[in-house]
Each structure stands twice: as C-alpha cells, then as structure tokens.
Amino acid sequence: MTDTLDIQRLIVRYDAELRRVMFRRCGCWDMAADIVQETYQRMLSGDLWRAADNPRALMHRIAANLATDYERRDAVRDRYLAKSDELPDWVAETEARQPDRLLAARQRLGRLVAAVEGLPPKCRRVFEMRKFEELSQAEIAERLGISRNMVEKHLRNALLALQQVDDD
C-alpha cells in the first residue's frame, strides 16, 4: 500500500511539470501527454522508481528518451512521406494518435506532388531522376543529352517551385 501511495504522490507532484517540459520539447500537448503516460508505464513496469535516488530525475530521463524516440519516428515518417503518399501500417498506427499532424502532412504532400506534376516536362524529368532515381547530375546530363549546366538550371527551377509550396 505504501508503494502505491508513494508512486501516486510522485506522479501528482511532478505530472504538470513533466507535461510542460515535454510540450516545450515536442510542441504538441497530446504528444506530451502520450510521452508522460508512457513514462509512468515504464517506471511502474520495471519498478525503477523504487531504486532511484532521485525519482524526479528518473522521470525526466525516461521522458526525454521517449521524446527522442518519437522525434526519430517522426523523422523516418517524414522521409517516407517525401517519397510516397502511402503510409505503412506502423506509421498509420502512430498517426492515429495525431490526426491533425497526419492531415497536415498529407495536405503538404498533395501540394508538393501537384507542384512536381506542374513542372515543365524536362524539368520534371530531371528532378525525378535526381531525387527518386538518385542519379548524379553528370548521369542525368548524359542520359538526357543535355549539359550539366542545363541539369542544374532544371533542378534549381524545380526546387524553387517546391519551395514556393512551403512558403505559401
């Protein structure tokens, strides 16, 4: 009974502080709440809090590690979204907790796809060869029979068009 009261006191005492810290780190109250909740689950599952000299510091360390995991997961998701509009199951499960972020990412992806589709044909082909086929500028120039300067010009124009999507 004492252990239960101790952990309850610990959670009540530091919950608001931990949520604020996680919000400052990730910028989303819902994600901060998820991280804090998972922090409590980890503390309870391993009884780590009993052996800790400083349970508050332990809570913050676990939460910081979880936030790093979330950030890495988001980075992987963003790289994946940049290449495809289909989401793998594990991303969809994660995004189910963050529908506003998913909607924003899909809308941005739609705008970027439309911008690429709106490029002049040669410019679009150069961009696709560079970004999706990962060919060097020299390889693109050789395959299309154009100069490297022309490849650079097409890439610059494509990137400017995509940058305008983000600026709008």
N, C-alpha and C. Protein backbone atom coordinates (compact mmCIF):
# COMPACT_ATOMS: atom_id res chain seq x y z
N MET A 1 0.83 -1.19 0.00
CA MET A 1 0.00 0.00 0.00
C MET A 1 0.87 1.25 0.00
N THR A 2 1.95 1.23 0.75
CA THR A 2 2.84 2.39 0.83
C THR A 2 3.46 2.68 -0.53
N ASP A 3 3.87 1.61 -1.25
CA ASP A 3 4.45 1.80 -2.58
C ASP A 3 3.47 2.48 -3.52
N THR A 4 2.22 2.05 -3.48
CA THR A 4 1.19 2.65 -4.33
C THR A 4 1.01 4.12 -4.01
N LEU A 5 0.97 4.44 -2.73
CA LEU A 5 0.84 5.85 -2.33
C LEU A 5 2.06 6.66 -2.74
N ASP A 6 3.24 6.06 -2.61
CA ASP A 6 4.47 6.76 -2.99
C ASP A 6 4.47 7.12 -4.47
N ILE A 7 4.13 6.16 -5.32
CA ILE A 7 4.14 6.44 -6.76
C ILE A 7 3.03 7.43 -7.12
N GLN A 8 1.89 7.33 -6.46
CA GLN A 8 0.81 8.28 -6.71
C GLN A 8 1.25 9.69 -6.33
N ARG A 9 1.89 9.83 -5.20
CA ARG A 9 2.39 11.15 -4.78
C ARG A 9 3.41 11.69 -5.77
N LEU A 10 4.28 10.81 -6.21
CA LEU A 10 5.31 11.20 -7.17
C LEU A 10 4.67 11.71 -8.47
N ILE A 11 3.69 10.98 -8.95
CA ILE A 11 3.02 11.37 -10.20
C ILE A 11 2.27 12.69 -10.01
N VAL A 12 1.51 12.79 -8.93
CA VAL A 12 0.74 14.02 -8.67
C VAL A 12 1.67 15.22 -8.54
N ARG A 13 2.77 15.02 -7.87
CA ARG A 13 3.69 16.12 -7.60
C ARG A 13 4.36 16.65 -8.87
N TYR A 14 4.73 15.75 -9.79
CA TYR A 14 5.54 16.17 -10.94
C TYR A 14 4.82 16.09 -12.29
N ASP A 15 3.58 15.68 -12.30
CA ASP A 15 2.87 15.50 -13.57
C ASP A 15 2.81 16.78 -14.41
N ALA A 16 2.36 17.87 -13.84
CA ALA A 16 2.22 19.12 -14.60
C ALA A 16 3.58 19.60 -15.11
N GLU A 17 4.59 19.49 -14.26
CA GLU A 17 5.94 19.91 -14.66
C GLU A 17 6.44 19.08 -15.84
N LEU A 18 6.27 17.77 -15.75
CA LEU A 18 6.75 16.88 -16.80
C LEU A 18 5.99 17.12 -18.11
N ARG A 19 4.70 17.35 -18.03
CA ARG A 19 3.91 17.65 -19.23
C ARG A 19 4.39 18.95 -19.89
N ARG A 20 4.66 19.97 -19.08
CA ARG A 20 5.15 21.24 -19.65
C ARG A 20 6.50 21.06 -20.33
N VAL A 21 7.39 20.33 -19.69
CA VAL A 21 8.71 20.10 -20.27
C VAL A 21 8.59 19.35 -21.60
N MET A 22 7.74 18.34 -21.63
CA MET A 22 7.57 17.57 -22.86
C MET A 22 6.86 18.40 -23.93
N PHE A 23 5.93 19.25 -23.53
CA PHE A 23 5.29 20.13 -24.51
C PHE A 23 6.32 21.07 -25.14
N ARG A 24 7.19 21.64 -24.31
CA ARG A 24 8.22 22.54 -24.86
C ARG A 24 9.13 21.78 -25.82
N ARG A 25 9.34 20.53 -25.56
CA ARG A 25 10.23 19.76 -26.41
C ARG A 25 9.56 19.37 -27.74
N CYS A 26 8.29 18.93 -27.68
CA CYS A 26 7.67 18.40 -28.90
C CYS A 26 6.64 19.34 -29.52
N GLY A 27 6.16 20.35 -28.76
CA GLY A 27 5.25 21.33 -29.32
C GLY A 27 3.81 20.88 -29.49
N CYS A 28 3.45 19.77 -28.87
CA CYS A 28 2.09 19.24 -29.01
C CYS A 28 1.65 18.68 -27.66
N TRP A 29 0.54 19.21 -27.14
CA TRP A 29 0.06 18.77 -25.82
C TRP A 29 -0.32 17.30 -25.83
N ASP A 30 -0.93 16.84 -26.92
CA ASP A 30 -1.34 15.43 -26.98
C ASP A 30 -0.12 14.51 -26.98
N MET A 31 0.89 14.87 -27.74
CA MET A 31 2.10 14.05 -27.76
C MET A 31 2.79 14.09 -26.40
N ALA A 32 2.81 15.27 -25.79
CA ALA A 32 3.41 15.39 -24.46
C ALA A 32 2.69 14.48 -23.47
N ALA A 33 1.36 14.45 -23.54
CA ALA A 33 0.59 13.59 -22.65
C ALA A 33 0.90 12.12 -22.91
N ASP A 34 1.04 11.75 -24.17
CA ASP A 34 1.39 10.36 -24.51
C ASP A 34 2.76 9.99 -23.94
N ILE A 35 3.71 10.89 -24.09
CA ILE A 35 5.06 10.62 -23.58
C ILE A 35 5.04 10.48 -22.07
N VAL A 36 4.33 11.36 -21.39
CA VAL A 36 4.26 11.30 -19.92
C VAL A 36 3.59 10.00 -19.48
N GLN A 37 2.50 9.64 -20.14
CA GLN A 37 1.80 8.40 -19.80
C GLN A 37 2.72 7.19 -19.97
N GLU A 38 3.44 7.16 -21.08
CA GLU A 38 4.36 6.05 -21.33
C GLU A 38 5.51 6.06 -20.32
N THR A 39 5.90 7.24 -19.89
CA THR A 39 6.93 7.35 -18.85
C THR A 39 6.47 6.66 -17.58
N TYR A 40 5.24 6.92 -17.18
CA TYR A 40 4.70 6.28 -15.97
C TYR A 40 4.62 4.77 -16.14
N GLN A 41 4.22 4.33 -17.30
CA GLN A 41 4.13 2.89 -17.54
C GLN A 41 5.50 2.24 -17.43
N ARG A 42 6.51 2.88 -17.97
CA ARG A 42 7.86 2.32 -17.89
C ARG A 42 8.38 2.30 -16.46
N MET A 43 8.09 3.36 -15.75
CA MET A 43 8.54 3.40 -14.35
C MET A 43 7.89 2.29 -13.54
N LEU A 44 6.62 2.08 -13.74
CA LEU A 44 5.90 1.06 -12.97
C LEU A 44 6.24 -0.36 -13.42
N SER A 45 6.46 -0.55 -14.70
CA SER A 45 6.70 -1.90 -15.20
C SER A 45 8.02 -2.47 -14.69
N GLY A 46 9.01 -1.64 -14.52
CA GLY A 46 10.30 -2.13 -14.08
C GLY A 46 10.61 -1.82 -12.63
N ASP A 47 9.66 -1.22 -11.94
CA ASP A 47 9.89 -0.80 -10.55
C ASP A 47 11.16 0.04 -10.42
N LEU A 48 11.49 0.77 -11.47
CA LEU A 48 12.69 1.59 -11.46
C LEU A 48 12.63 2.68 -10.39
N TRP A 49 11.46 3.21 -10.18
CA TRP A 49 11.31 4.34 -9.28
C TRP A 49 11.67 3.99 -7.85
N ARG A 50 11.52 2.72 -7.47
CA ARG A 50 11.85 2.32 -6.09
C ARG A 50 13.34 2.42 -5.81
N ALA A 51 14.14 2.05 -6.79
CA ALA A 51 15.59 2.02 -6.60
C ALA A 51 16.26 3.35 -6.91
N ALA A 52 15.51 4.28 -7.46
CA ALA A 52 16.11 5.55 -7.89
C ALA A 52 16.40 6.46 -6.70
N ASP A 53 17.59 7.05 -6.72
CA ASP A 53 17.94 8.04 -5.69
C ASP A 53 17.13 9.31 -5.90
N ASN A 54 16.86 9.62 -7.16
CA ASN A 54 16.12 10.84 -7.50
C ASN A 54 15.02 10.47 -8.50
N PRO A 55 13.84 10.08 -8.03
CA PRO A 55 12.78 9.65 -8.93
C PRO A 55 12.35 10.72 -9.93
N ARG A 56 12.42 11.98 -9.54
CA ARG A 56 12.07 13.07 -10.45
C ARG A 56 13.02 13.09 -11.64
N ALA A 57 14.31 12.99 -11.37
CA ALA A 57 15.30 12.96 -12.45
C ALA A 57 15.09 11.73 -13.34
N LEU A 58 14.75 10.62 -12.72
CA LEU A 58 14.47 9.40 -13.49
C LEU A 58 13.29 9.62 -14.43
N MET A 59 12.22 10.22 -13.92
CA MET A 59 11.05 10.50 -14.76
C MET A 59 11.44 11.38 -15.95
N HIS A 60 12.22 12.40 -15.68
CA HIS A 60 12.63 13.31 -16.76
C HIS A 60 13.52 12.59 -17.78
N ARG A 61 14.40 11.72 -17.31
CA ARG A 61 15.30 10.99 -18.22
C ARG A 61 14.49 10.04 -19.11
N ILE A 62 13.58 9.29 -18.50
CA ILE A 62 12.74 8.38 -19.29
C ILE A 62 11.92 9.17 -20.31
N ALA A 63 11.32 10.26 -19.88
CA ALA A 63 10.51 11.08 -20.78
C ALA A 63 11.36 11.65 -21.92
N ALA A 64 12.56 12.11 -21.60
CA ALA A 64 13.45 12.66 -22.63
C ALA A 64 13.82 11.57 -23.65
N ASN A 65 14.10 10.37 -23.17
CA ASN A 65 14.42 9.27 -24.08
C ASN A 65 13.22 8.93 -24.97
N LEU A 66 12.04 8.92 -24.38
CA LEU A 66 10.84 8.65 -25.17
C LEU A 66 10.60 9.75 -26.21
N ALA A 67 10.83 11.00 -25.82
CA ALA A 67 10.66 12.11 -26.76
C ALA A 67 11.63 11.96 -27.93
N THR A 68 12.86 11.54 -27.64
CA THR A 68 13.83 11.29 -28.70
C THR A 68 13.34 10.19 -29.63
N ASP A 69 12.77 9.14 -29.05
CA ASP A 69 12.21 8.06 -29.88
C ASP A 69 11.10 8.58 -30.78
N TYR A 70 10.21 9.41 -30.23
CA TYR A 70 9.12 9.99 -31.03
C TYR A 70 9.69 10.84 -32.16
N GLU A 71 10.72 11.65 -31.85
CA GLU A 71 11.32 12.51 -32.87
C GLU A 71 11.94 11.68 -33.99
N ARG A 72 12.61 10.61 -33.62
CA ARG A 72 13.21 9.74 -34.64
C ARG A 72 12.12 9.11 -35.51
N ARG A 73 11.05 8.65 -34.87
CA ARG A 73 9.94 8.05 -35.60
C ARG A 73 9.33 9.08 -36.56
N ASP A 74 9.20 10.31 -36.10
CA ASP A 74 8.66 11.37 -36.97
C ASP A 74 9.59 11.64 -38.15
N ALA A 75 10.90 11.61 -37.90
CA ALA A 75 11.86 11.86 -38.97
C ALA A 75 11.78 10.76 -40.02
N VAL A 76 11.66 9.52 -39.58
CA VAL A 76 11.52 8.41 -40.53
C VAL A 76 10.23 8.56 -41.32
N ARG A 77 9.15 8.90 -40.62
CA ARG A 77 7.86 9.09 -41.29
C ARG A 77 7.95 10.20 -42.33
N ASP A 78 8.59 11.31 -41.96
CA ASP A 78 8.70 12.43 -42.89
C ASP A 78 9.50 12.05 -44.13
N ARG A 79 10.60 11.28 -43.94
CA ARG A 79 11.37 10.83 -45.09
C ARG A 79 10.53 9.92 -45.97
N TYR A 80 9.75 9.06 -45.35
CA TYR A 80 8.90 8.15 -46.10
C TYR A 80 7.83 8.92 -46.87
N LEU A 81 7.22 9.90 -46.20
CA LEU A 81 6.18 10.69 -46.85
C LEU A 81 6.72 11.46 -48.04
N ALA A 82 7.98 11.84 -47.97
CA ALA A 82 8.58 12.59 -49.07
C ALA A 82 8.69 11.73 -50.32
N LYS A 83 8.70 10.41 -50.15
CA LYS A 83 8.85 9.51 -51.29
C LYS A 83 7.55 8.82 -51.70
N SER A 84 6.57 8.80 -50.83
CA SER A 84 5.35 8.06 -51.13
C SER A 84 4.16 8.64 -50.40
N ASP A 85 2.99 8.54 -51.01
CA ASP A 85 1.80 9.01 -50.31
C ASP A 85 1.09 7.87 -49.59
N GLU A 86 1.63 6.65 -49.67
CA GLU A 86 1.07 5.52 -48.94
C GLU A 86 1.83 5.35 -47.63
N LEU A 87 1.10 5.16 -46.57
CA LEU A 87 1.72 5.00 -45.26
C LEU A 87 1.78 3.53 -44.87
N PRO A 88 2.93 3.07 -44.35
CA PRO A 88 2.97 1.71 -43.84
C PRO A 88 2.11 1.61 -42.58
N ASP A 89 1.75 0.40 -42.20
CA ASP A 89 0.86 0.19 -41.06
C ASP A 89 1.39 0.82 -39.78
N TRP A 90 2.70 0.69 -39.50
CA TRP A 90 3.22 1.21 -38.24
C TRP A 90 3.12 2.73 -38.18
N VAL A 91 3.23 3.40 -39.33
CA VAL A 91 3.08 4.86 -39.34
C VAL A 91 1.62 5.22 -39.12
N ALA A 92 0.74 4.51 -39.78
CA ALA A 92 -0.69 4.79 -39.63
C ALA A 92 -1.13 4.62 -38.18
N GLU A 93 -0.60 3.60 -37.49
CA GLU A 93 -0.95 3.39 -36.08
C GLU A 93 -0.46 4.56 -35.23
N THR A 94 0.75 5.01 -35.49
CA THR A 94 1.30 6.14 -34.74
C THR A 94 0.49 7.40 -35.03
N GLU A 95 0.16 7.60 -36.30
CA GLU A 95 -0.55 8.80 -36.70
C GLU A 95 -1.99 8.83 -36.21
N ALA A 96 -2.54 7.66 -35.89
CA ALA A 96 -3.92 7.63 -35.40
C ALA A 96 -4.05 8.47 -34.13
N ARG A 97 -2.93 8.61 -33.39
CA ARG A 97 -2.95 9.42 -32.17
C ARG A 97 -2.74 10.90 -32.48
N GLN A 98 -2.36 11.22 -33.72
CA GLN A 98 -2.06 12.60 -34.09
C GLN A 98 -2.73 12.94 -35.42
N PRO A 99 -4.06 12.91 -35.47
CA PRO A 99 -4.74 13.12 -36.76
C PRO A 99 -4.48 14.48 -37.38
N ASP A 100 -4.28 15.51 -36.57
CA ASP A 100 -4.02 16.83 -37.13
C ASP A 100 -2.69 16.87 -37.86
N ARG A 101 -1.69 16.20 -37.32
CA ARG A 101 -0.38 16.15 -37.97
C ARG A 101 -0.44 15.32 -39.25
N LEU A 102 -1.20 14.24 -39.21
CA LEU A 102 -1.35 13.41 -40.40
C LEU A 102 -2.04 14.19 -41.51
N LEU A 103 -3.10 14.90 -41.16
CA LEU A 103 -3.83 15.70 -42.15
C LEU A 103 -2.91 16.76 -42.75
N ALA A 104 -2.17 17.46 -41.91
CA ALA A 104 -1.25 18.49 -42.40
C ALA A 104 -0.18 17.89 -43.31
N ALA A 105 0.36 16.74 -42.93
CA ALA A 105 1.40 16.09 -43.74
C ALA A 105 0.84 15.64 -45.08
N ARG A 106 -0.36 15.09 -45.07
CA ARG A 106 -0.96 14.65 -46.33
C ARG A 106 -1.30 15.83 -47.23
N GLN A 107 -1.77 16.93 -46.64
CA GLN A 107 -2.08 18.12 -47.44
C GLN A 107 -0.80 18.68 -48.06
N ARG A 108 0.26 18.73 -47.26
CA ARG A 108 1.54 19.23 -47.77
C ARG A 108 2.04 18.32 -48.89
N LEU A 109 1.95 17.01 -48.67
CA LEU A 109 2.37 16.07 -49.70
C LEU A 109 1.58 16.27 -50.98
N GLY A 110 0.28 16.48 -50.86
CA GLY A 110 -0.56 16.73 -52.03
C GLY A 110 -0.12 17.98 -52.78
N ARG A 111 0.20 19.04 -52.03
CA ARG A 111 0.67 20.28 -52.67
C ARG A 111 2.01 20.07 -53.37
N LEU A 112 2.90 19.30 -52.74
CA LEU A 112 4.21 19.04 -53.34
C LEU A 112 4.07 18.19 -54.61
N VAL A 113 3.23 17.17 -54.55
CA VAL A 113 3.00 16.33 -55.73
C VAL A 113 2.43 17.17 -56.87
N ALA A 114 1.46 18.03 -56.55
CA ALA A 114 0.87 18.90 -57.57
C ALA A 114 1.93 19.83 -58.16
N ALA A 115 2.82 20.34 -57.32
CA ALA A 115 3.88 21.23 -57.80
C ALA A 115 4.82 20.48 -58.74
N VAL A 116 5.18 19.25 -58.39
CA VAL A 116 6.06 18.45 -59.26
C VAL A 116 5.35 18.15 -60.58
N GLU A 117 4.08 17.78 -60.50
CA GLU A 117 3.32 17.49 -61.72
C GLU A 117 3.14 18.73 -62.59
N GLY A 118 3.20 19.91 -61.99
CA GLY A 118 3.04 21.15 -62.74
C GLY A 118 4.33 21.66 -63.37
N LEU A 119 5.44 21.00 -63.10
CA LEU A 119 6.71 21.41 -63.70
C LEU A 119 6.71 21.12 -65.20
N PRO A 120 7.47 21.90 -65.98
CA PRO A 120 7.63 21.57 -67.39
C PRO A 120 8.22 20.15 -67.51
N PRO A 121 7.87 19.43 -68.57
CA PRO A 121 8.26 18.01 -68.68
C PRO A 121 9.75 17.73 -68.48
N LYS A 122 10.61 18.50 -69.11
CA LYS A 122 12.05 18.26 -68.99
C LYS A 122 12.52 18.54 -67.56
N CYS A 123 12.04 19.62 -66.99
CA CYS A 123 12.39 19.99 -65.62
C CYS A 123 11.93 18.90 -64.65
N ARG A 124 10.72 18.43 -64.87
CA ARG A 124 10.18 17.37 -64.01
C ARG A 124 11.02 16.10 -64.12
N ARG A 125 11.37 15.73 -65.33
CA ARG A 125 12.16 14.50 -65.53
C ARG A 125 13.52 14.62 -64.85
N VAL A 126 14.17 15.76 -64.97
CA VAL A 126 15.46 15.97 -64.31
C VAL A 126 15.30 15.85 -62.79
N PHE A 127 14.27 16.48 -62.26
CA PHE A 127 14.02 16.43 -60.82
C PHE A 127 13.79 14.99 -60.36
N GLU A 128 12.95 14.25 -61.07
CA GLU A 128 12.65 12.87 -60.69
C GLU A 128 13.89 11.99 -60.76
N MET A 129 14.71 12.19 -61.79
CA MET A 129 15.92 11.38 -61.91
C MET A 129 16.88 11.66 -60.76
N ARG A 130 16.96 12.91 -60.35
CA ARG A 130 17.87 13.28 -59.26
C ARG A 130 17.34 12.82 -57.90
N LYS A 131 16.08 13.10 -57.62
CA LYS A 131 15.54 12.86 -56.28
C LYS A 131 15.05 11.43 -56.07
N PHE A 132 14.47 10.82 -57.08
CA PHE A 132 13.88 9.50 -56.89
C PHE A 132 14.78 8.37 -57.40
N GLU A 133 15.46 8.62 -58.51
CA GLU A 133 16.37 7.61 -59.03
C GLU A 133 17.78 7.80 -58.47
N GLU A 134 18.01 8.93 -57.80
CA GLU A 134 19.27 9.26 -57.14
C GLU A 134 20.47 9.22 -58.09
N LEU A 135 20.25 9.74 -59.29
CA LEU A 135 21.33 9.82 -60.27
C LEU A 135 22.11 11.11 -60.05
N SER A 136 23.38 11.08 -60.41
CA SER A 136 24.20 12.30 -60.30
C SER A 136 23.82 13.25 -61.43
N GLN A 137 24.24 14.49 -61.30
CA GLN A 137 23.94 15.46 -62.35
C GLN A 137 24.61 15.05 -63.67
N ALA A 138 25.81 14.51 -63.57
CA ALA A 138 26.51 14.06 -64.78
C ALA A 138 25.76 12.93 -65.46
N GLU A 139 25.24 11.98 -64.68
CA GLU A 139 24.48 10.86 -65.25
C GLU A 139 23.19 11.36 -65.92
N ILE A 140 22.54 12.31 -65.29
CA ILE A 140 21.31 12.86 -65.86
C ILE A 140 21.61 13.56 -67.18
N ALA A 141 22.66 14.37 -67.18
CA ALA A 141 23.05 15.09 -68.40
C ALA A 141 23.33 14.11 -69.53
N GLU A 142 24.06 13.05 -69.21
CA GLU A 142 24.40 12.06 -70.23
C GLU A 142 23.14 11.35 -70.76
N ARG A 143 22.27 10.93 -69.86
CA ARG A 143 21.07 10.19 -70.28
C ARG A 143 20.10 11.05 -71.10
N LEU A 144 20.01 12.33 -70.75
CA LEU A 144 19.06 13.20 -71.45
C LEU A 144 19.70 13.96 -72.62
N GLY A 145 21.02 13.85 -72.73
CA GLY A 145 21.71 14.53 -73.82
C GLY A 145 21.70 16.05 -73.67
N ILE A 146 21.82 16.52 -72.44
CA ILE A 146 21.87 17.96 -72.18
C ILE A 146 23.12 18.26 -71.35
N SER A 147 23.46 19.53 -71.24
CA SER A 147 24.65 19.91 -70.48
C SER A 147 24.38 19.84 -68.97
N ARG A 148 25.46 19.77 -68.20
CA ARG A 148 25.31 19.78 -66.74
C ARG A 148 24.73 21.10 -66.27
N ASN A 149 25.08 22.18 -66.96
CA ASN A 149 24.51 23.48 -66.60
C ASN A 149 23.00 23.48 -66.76
N MET A 150 22.52 22.81 -67.80
CA MET A 150 21.07 22.72 -68.02
C MET A 150 20.42 21.87 -66.92
N VAL A 151 21.10 20.80 -66.51
CA VAL A 151 20.59 19.97 -65.41
C VAL A 151 20.47 20.82 -64.15
N GLU A 152 21.52 21.58 -63.86
CA GLU A 152 21.49 22.45 -62.67
C GLU A 152 20.35 23.47 -62.75
N LYS A 153 20.14 24.03 -63.94
CA LYS A 153 19.07 25.01 -64.11
C LYS A 153 17.70 24.37 -63.85
N HIS A 154 17.49 23.17 -64.40
CA HIS A 154 16.21 22.48 -64.18
C HIS A 154 16.01 22.15 -62.70
N LEU A 155 17.06 21.68 -62.04
CA LEU A 155 16.96 21.37 -60.61
C LEU A 155 16.65 22.61 -59.79
N ARG A 156 17.32 23.69 -60.12
CA ARG A 156 17.09 24.95 -59.41
C ARG A 156 15.64 25.41 -59.58
N ASN A 157 15.13 25.34 -60.80
CA ASN A 157 13.74 25.73 -61.06
C ASN A 157 12.75 24.83 -60.31
N ALA A 158 13.03 23.53 -60.29
CA ALA A 158 12.15 22.60 -59.58
C ALA A 158 12.16 22.89 -58.08
N LEU A 159 13.33 23.10 -57.53
CA LEU A 159 13.42 23.37 -56.09
C LEU A 159 12.77 24.69 -55.72
N LEU A 160 12.89 25.68 -56.59
CA LEU A 160 12.20 26.95 -56.34
C LEU A 160 10.69 26.77 -56.34
N ALA A 161 10.19 25.97 -57.27
CA ALA A 161 8.74 25.71 -57.32
C ALA A 161 8.27 24.99 -56.06
N LEU A 162 9.06 24.04 -55.58
CA LEU A 162 8.70 23.31 -54.36
C LEU A 162 8.83 24.19 -53.12
N GLN A 163 9.80 25.07 -53.13
CA GLN A 163 9.97 25.99 -52.00
C GLN A 163 8.77 26.93 -51.90
N GLN A 164 8.22 27.33 -53.04
CA GLN A 164 7.05 28.20 -53.02
C GLN A 164 5.85 27.51 -52.37
N VAL A 165 5.75 26.19 -52.52
CA VAL A 165 4.68 25.43 -51.87
C VAL A 165 4.79 25.58 -50.36
N ASP A 166 6.01 25.45 -49.83
CA ASP A 166 6.21 25.58 -48.39
C ASP A 166 6.05 27.01 -47.91
N ASP A 167 6.37 27.97 -48.77
CA ASP A 167 6.24 29.38 -48.38
C ASP A 167 4.79 29.83 -48.33
N ASP A 168 3.94 29.19 -49.12
CA ASP A 168 2.51 29.59 -49.18
C ASP A 168 1.73 29.14 -47.98
